Amino acid sequence: MLNTTFELNDTTLTVKPVGELDSMTSPAFEAELRQHLTGVASIIVDFEKLNYISSAGLRVFLAMEQSLKDRNAEMKLIHVSEHIMEIFDLVGFLDVVTVE
């Protein structure tokens, strides 16, 4: 299960997913995220309460990164756990997205 809050402050959207982002939850997460993109220049995704991410979840962020790049917007991921950071490193995800 995944619960997500979206907070828009001027042109920055902060996204806070809570739970697991996998093949079951990623389609709804991506659809909801895309609904919040109007007028957004940057996205901050707070991974603090994300317990798990599968390849389906990674694909959402790869697609989002490309979509934002095409419109001169940016995305950064924050509070990424050590476990998820290891996954990012293993699959080369750190070469594509900004993690702080």
N, C-alpha and C. Protein backbone atom coordinates (compact mmCIF):
# COMPACT_ATOMS: atom_id res chain seq x y z
N MET A 1 0.84 -1.18 0.00
CA MET A 1 0.00 0.00 0.00
C MET A 1 0.89 1.25 0.00
N LEU A 2 0.39 2.30 -0.64
CA LEU A 2 1.13 3.54 -0.73
C LEU A 2 0.18 4.71 -0.53
N ASN A 3 0.53 5.59 0.38
CA ASN A 3 -0.19 6.84 0.57
C ASN A 3 0.78 7.96 0.23
N THR A 4 0.27 8.98 -0.43
CA THR A 4 1.15 10.05 -0.87
C THR A 4 0.50 11.39 -0.61
N THR A 5 1.31 12.33 -0.09
CA THR A 5 0.84 13.70 0.04
C THR A 5 1.58 14.56 -0.97
N PHE A 6 0.88 15.56 -1.47
CA PHE A 6 1.43 16.49 -2.45
C PHE A 6 1.25 17.89 -1.90
N GLU A 7 2.34 18.65 -1.83
CA GLU A 7 2.30 20.02 -1.33
C GLU A 7 2.92 20.94 -2.38
N LEU A 8 2.12 21.90 -2.85
CA LEU A 8 2.62 22.85 -3.84
C LEU A 8 2.92 24.17 -3.16
N ASN A 9 4.16 24.62 -3.31
CA ASN A 9 4.60 25.89 -2.76
C ASN A 9 5.19 26.69 -3.92
N ASP A 10 4.42 27.66 -4.40
CA ASP A 10 4.80 28.44 -5.58
C ASP A 10 4.92 27.47 -6.76
N THR A 11 6.11 27.25 -7.30
CA THR A 11 6.26 26.34 -8.43
C THR A 11 7.01 25.06 -8.05
N THR A 12 7.15 24.81 -6.75
CA THR A 12 7.82 23.60 -6.28
C THR A 12 6.80 22.65 -5.67
N LEU A 13 6.79 21.44 -6.19
CA LEU A 13 5.89 20.40 -5.69
C LEU A 13 6.70 19.44 -4.82
N THR A 14 6.27 19.27 -3.58
CA THR A 14 6.90 18.30 -2.69
C THR A 14 5.99 17.08 -2.62
N VAL A 15 6.57 15.93 -2.89
CA VAL A 15 5.84 14.67 -2.94
C VAL A 15 6.37 13.78 -1.82
N LYS A 16 5.45 13.27 -1.00
CA LYS A 16 5.87 12.43 0.13
C LYS A 16 5.14 11.09 0.09
N PRO A 17 5.75 10.10 -0.59
CA PRO A 17 5.15 8.77 -0.61
C PRO A 17 5.43 8.03 0.70
N VAL A 18 4.43 7.30 1.17
CA VAL A 18 4.56 6.54 2.41
C VAL A 18 4.15 5.09 2.12
N GLY A 19 5.07 4.17 2.35
CA GLY A 19 4.75 2.75 2.13
C GLY A 19 5.66 2.14 1.09
N GLU A 20 5.05 1.41 0.14
CA GLU A 20 5.80 0.68 -0.86
C GLU A 20 5.40 1.12 -2.26
N LEU A 21 6.38 1.38 -3.09
CA LEU A 21 6.15 1.77 -4.48
C LEU A 21 6.57 0.59 -5.34
N ASP A 22 5.59 -0.18 -5.79
CA ASP A 22 5.85 -1.40 -6.54
C ASP A 22 4.93 -1.49 -7.75
N SER A 23 4.86 -2.65 -8.37
CA SER A 23 4.05 -2.81 -9.58
C SER A 23 2.56 -2.61 -9.32
N MET A 24 2.13 -2.80 -8.10
CA MET A 24 0.72 -2.62 -7.77
C MET A 24 0.39 -1.14 -7.51
N THR A 25 1.31 -0.41 -6.93
CA THR A 25 1.02 0.97 -6.51
C THR A 25 1.56 2.03 -7.47
N SER A 26 2.54 1.68 -8.29
CA SER A 26 3.17 2.70 -9.13
C SER A 26 2.26 3.30 -10.21
N PRO A 27 1.35 2.54 -10.85
CA PRO A 27 0.48 3.18 -11.85
C PRO A 27 -0.38 4.30 -11.26
N ALA A 28 -1.00 4.06 -10.12
CA ALA A 28 -1.83 5.09 -9.49
C ALA A 28 -0.98 6.26 -8.99
N PHE A 29 0.21 5.96 -8.46
CA PHE A 29 1.12 7.01 -8.00
C PHE A 29 1.52 7.90 -9.17
N GLU A 30 1.90 7.30 -10.29
CA GLU A 30 2.33 8.09 -11.44
C GLU A 30 1.17 8.94 -11.97
N ALA A 31 -0.01 8.36 -12.05
CA ALA A 31 -1.17 9.11 -12.55
C ALA A 31 -1.48 10.29 -11.64
N GLU A 32 -1.43 10.07 -10.34
CA GLU A 32 -1.71 11.16 -9.40
C GLU A 32 -0.61 12.22 -9.47
N LEU A 33 0.61 11.81 -9.58
CA LEU A 33 1.73 12.74 -9.68
C LEU A 33 1.57 13.63 -10.92
N ARG A 34 1.24 13.03 -12.03
CA ARG A 34 1.08 13.79 -13.28
C ARG A 34 -0.05 14.82 -13.17
N GLN A 35 -1.06 14.54 -12.37
CA GLN A 35 -2.16 15.49 -12.19
C GLN A 35 -1.72 16.75 -11.47
N HIS A 36 -0.62 16.68 -10.75
CA HIS A 36 -0.13 17.82 -9.96
C HIS A 36 0.95 18.64 -10.66
N LEU A 37 1.26 18.35 -11.91
CA LEU A 37 2.42 18.96 -12.57
C LEU A 37 2.17 20.33 -13.21
N THR A 38 0.95 20.75 -13.32
CA THR A 38 0.66 22.02 -13.97
C THR A 38 1.35 23.17 -13.24
N GLY A 39 2.17 23.92 -13.96
CA GLY A 39 2.86 25.07 -13.39
C GLY A 39 4.04 24.75 -12.50
N VAL A 40 4.44 23.50 -12.44
CA VAL A 40 5.52 23.07 -11.55
C VAL A 40 6.87 23.20 -12.27
N ALA A 41 7.82 23.86 -11.62
CA ALA A 41 9.17 24.01 -12.17
C ALA A 41 10.15 23.04 -11.52
N SER A 42 9.82 22.56 -10.33
CA SER A 42 10.68 21.59 -9.66
C SER A 42 9.85 20.69 -8.75
N ILE A 43 10.36 19.46 -8.63
CA ILE A 43 9.72 18.47 -7.76
C ILE A 43 10.75 17.99 -6.76
N ILE A 44 10.34 17.93 -5.52
CA ILE A 44 11.15 17.33 -4.47
C ILE A 44 10.39 16.09 -4.00
N VAL A 45 11.02 14.94 -4.10
CA VAL A 45 10.38 13.71 -3.64
C VAL A 45 11.08 13.30 -2.35
N ASP A 46 10.31 13.29 -1.26
CA ASP A 46 10.84 12.96 0.06
C ASP A 46 10.64 11.46 0.32
N PHE A 47 11.74 10.73 0.31
CA PHE A 47 11.71 9.27 0.48
C PHE A 47 11.74 8.84 1.95
N GLU A 48 11.62 9.78 2.86
CA GLU A 48 11.79 9.45 4.28
C GLU A 48 10.92 8.28 4.74
N LYS A 49 9.69 8.18 4.24
CA LYS A 49 8.78 7.13 4.70
C LYS A 49 8.46 6.11 3.61
N LEU A 50 9.30 6.08 2.59
CA LEU A 50 9.15 5.06 1.56
C LEU A 50 9.97 3.84 1.99
N ASN A 51 9.29 2.73 2.21
CA ASN A 51 9.95 1.52 2.73
C ASN A 51 10.56 0.64 1.65
N TYR A 52 10.00 0.74 0.45
CA TYR A 52 10.40 -0.19 -0.60
C TYR A 52 10.13 0.43 -1.96
N ILE A 53 11.00 0.16 -2.93
CA ILE A 53 10.77 0.57 -4.31
C ILE A 53 11.20 -0.56 -5.22
N SER A 54 10.34 -0.91 -6.16
CA SER A 54 10.65 -1.97 -7.12
C SER A 54 11.07 -1.33 -8.44
N SER A 55 11.35 -2.16 -9.43
CA SER A 55 11.72 -1.64 -10.74
C SER A 55 10.58 -0.82 -11.34
N ALA A 56 9.35 -1.17 -11.04
CA ALA A 56 8.20 -0.39 -11.53
C ALA A 56 8.22 1.02 -10.94
N GLY A 57 8.60 1.12 -9.69
CA GLY A 57 8.72 2.43 -9.05
C GLY A 57 9.86 3.24 -9.64
N LEU A 58 10.97 2.58 -9.91
CA LEU A 58 12.11 3.25 -10.54
C LEU A 58 11.72 3.80 -11.91
N ARG A 59 10.93 3.03 -12.66
CA ARG A 59 10.49 3.48 -13.99
C ARG A 59 9.67 4.75 -13.90
N VAL A 60 8.86 4.89 -12.85
CA VAL A 60 8.07 6.11 -12.68
C VAL A 60 9.00 7.32 -12.60
N PHE A 61 10.04 7.22 -11.80
CA PHE A 61 10.96 8.35 -11.63
C PHE A 61 11.82 8.59 -12.86
N LEU A 62 12.17 7.54 -13.58
CA LEU A 62 12.91 7.73 -14.83
C LEU A 62 12.05 8.46 -15.86
N ALA A 63 10.80 8.06 -15.97
CA ALA A 63 9.88 8.71 -16.91
C ALA A 63 9.64 10.16 -16.49
N MET A 64 9.49 10.38 -15.19
CA MET A 64 9.25 11.73 -14.68
C MET A 64 10.47 12.61 -14.93
N GLU A 65 11.65 12.09 -14.73
CA GLU A 65 12.88 12.85 -14.96
C GLU A 65 12.94 13.30 -16.43
N GLN A 66 12.64 12.40 -17.34
CA GLN A 66 12.68 12.75 -18.76
C GLN A 66 11.61 13.78 -19.10
N SER A 67 10.42 13.58 -18.57
CA SER A 67 9.32 14.52 -18.82
C SER A 67 9.64 15.91 -18.31
N LEU A 68 10.22 15.99 -17.13
CA LEU A 68 10.58 17.28 -16.55
C LEU A 68 11.72 17.93 -17.32
N LYS A 69 12.69 17.13 -17.72
CA LYS A 69 13.84 17.64 -18.49
C LYS A 69 13.36 18.28 -19.79
N ASP A 70 12.38 17.66 -20.42
CA ASP A 70 11.84 18.16 -21.69
C ASP A 70 11.19 19.53 -21.54
N ARG A 71 10.73 19.85 -20.32
CA ARG A 71 10.10 21.16 -20.10
C ARG A 71 10.95 22.06 -19.20
N ASN A 72 12.26 21.77 -19.12
CA ASN A 72 13.21 22.57 -18.34
C ASN A 72 12.84 22.67 -16.87
N ALA A 73 12.31 21.60 -16.34
CA ALA A 73 12.00 21.52 -14.91
C ALA A 73 12.97 20.49 -14.31
N GLU A 74 12.97 20.39 -12.99
CA GLU A 74 13.92 19.49 -12.34
C GLU A 74 13.26 18.71 -11.22
N MET A 75 13.91 17.59 -10.87
CA MET A 75 13.43 16.75 -9.77
C MET A 75 14.62 16.36 -8.92
N LYS A 76 14.42 16.36 -7.61
CA LYS A 76 15.46 15.83 -6.73
C LYS A 76 14.80 14.94 -5.69
N LEU A 77 15.53 13.94 -5.28
CA LEU A 77 15.06 12.99 -4.28
C LEU A 77 15.82 13.25 -2.98
N ILE A 78 15.09 13.30 -1.88
CA ILE A 78 15.72 13.57 -0.59
C ILE A 78 15.36 12.49 0.41
N HIS A 79 16.13 12.42 1.47
CA HIS A 79 15.91 11.48 2.58
C HIS A 79 15.80 10.03 2.09
N VAL A 80 16.68 9.66 1.17
CA VAL A 80 16.68 8.30 0.64
C VAL A 80 17.40 7.40 1.63
N SER A 81 16.74 6.31 2.02
CA SER A 81 17.35 5.38 2.99
C SER A 81 18.58 4.71 2.39
N GLU A 82 19.40 4.19 3.25
CA GLU A 82 20.62 3.51 2.82
C GLU A 82 20.28 2.31 1.93
N HIS A 83 19.24 1.58 2.29
CA HIS A 83 18.83 0.40 1.53
C HIS A 83 18.40 0.79 0.11
N ILE A 84 17.57 1.81 -0.02
CA ILE A 84 17.12 2.25 -1.34
C ILE A 84 18.28 2.88 -2.11
N MET A 85 19.15 3.58 -1.42
CA MET A 85 20.32 4.17 -2.08
C MET A 85 21.20 3.08 -2.69
N GLU A 86 21.32 1.95 -2.03
CA GLU A 86 22.10 0.83 -2.56
C GLU A 86 21.47 0.32 -3.86
N ILE A 87 20.15 0.26 -3.90
CA ILE A 87 19.45 -0.17 -5.11
C ILE A 87 19.72 0.84 -6.23
N PHE A 88 19.59 2.13 -5.91
CA PHE A 88 19.86 3.19 -6.90
C PHE A 88 21.26 3.04 -7.47
N ASP A 89 22.22 2.81 -6.61
CA ASP A 89 23.61 2.68 -7.03
C ASP A 89 23.80 1.45 -7.91
N LEU A 90 23.22 0.36 -7.51
CA LEU A 90 23.35 -0.90 -8.24
C LEU A 90 22.83 -0.82 -9.65
N VAL A 91 21.72 -0.13 -9.87
CA VAL A 91 21.10 -0.08 -11.20
C VAL A 91 21.52 1.15 -12.00
N GLY A 92 22.43 1.97 -11.45
CA GLY A 92 22.90 3.15 -12.16
C GLY A 92 21.93 4.32 -12.12
N PHE A 93 20.98 4.27 -11.22
CA PHE A 93 19.95 5.31 -11.10
C PHE A 93 20.55 6.65 -10.69
N LEU A 94 21.65 6.62 -9.96
CA LEU A 94 22.29 7.85 -9.48
C LEU A 94 22.91 8.66 -10.61
N ASP A 95 23.10 8.03 -11.76
CA ASP A 95 23.62 8.74 -12.93
C ASP A 95 22.52 9.54 -13.64
N VAL A 96 21.27 9.25 -13.31
CA VAL A 96 20.14 9.83 -14.01
C VAL A 96 19.39 10.87 -13.20
N VAL A 97 19.25 10.63 -11.91
CA VAL A 97 18.47 11.53 -11.06
C VAL A 97 19.36 12.19 -10.01
N THR A 98 18.87 13.29 -9.45
CA THR A 98 19.59 14.00 -8.41
C THR A 98 19.09 13.51 -7.05
N VAL A 99 20.02 13.06 -6.23
CA VAL A 99 19.70 12.60 -4.88
C VAL A 99 20.50 13.43 -3.90
N GLU A 100 19.81 13.99 -2.93
CA GLU A 100 20.49 14.78 -1.88
C GLU A 100 20.27 14.16 -0.54
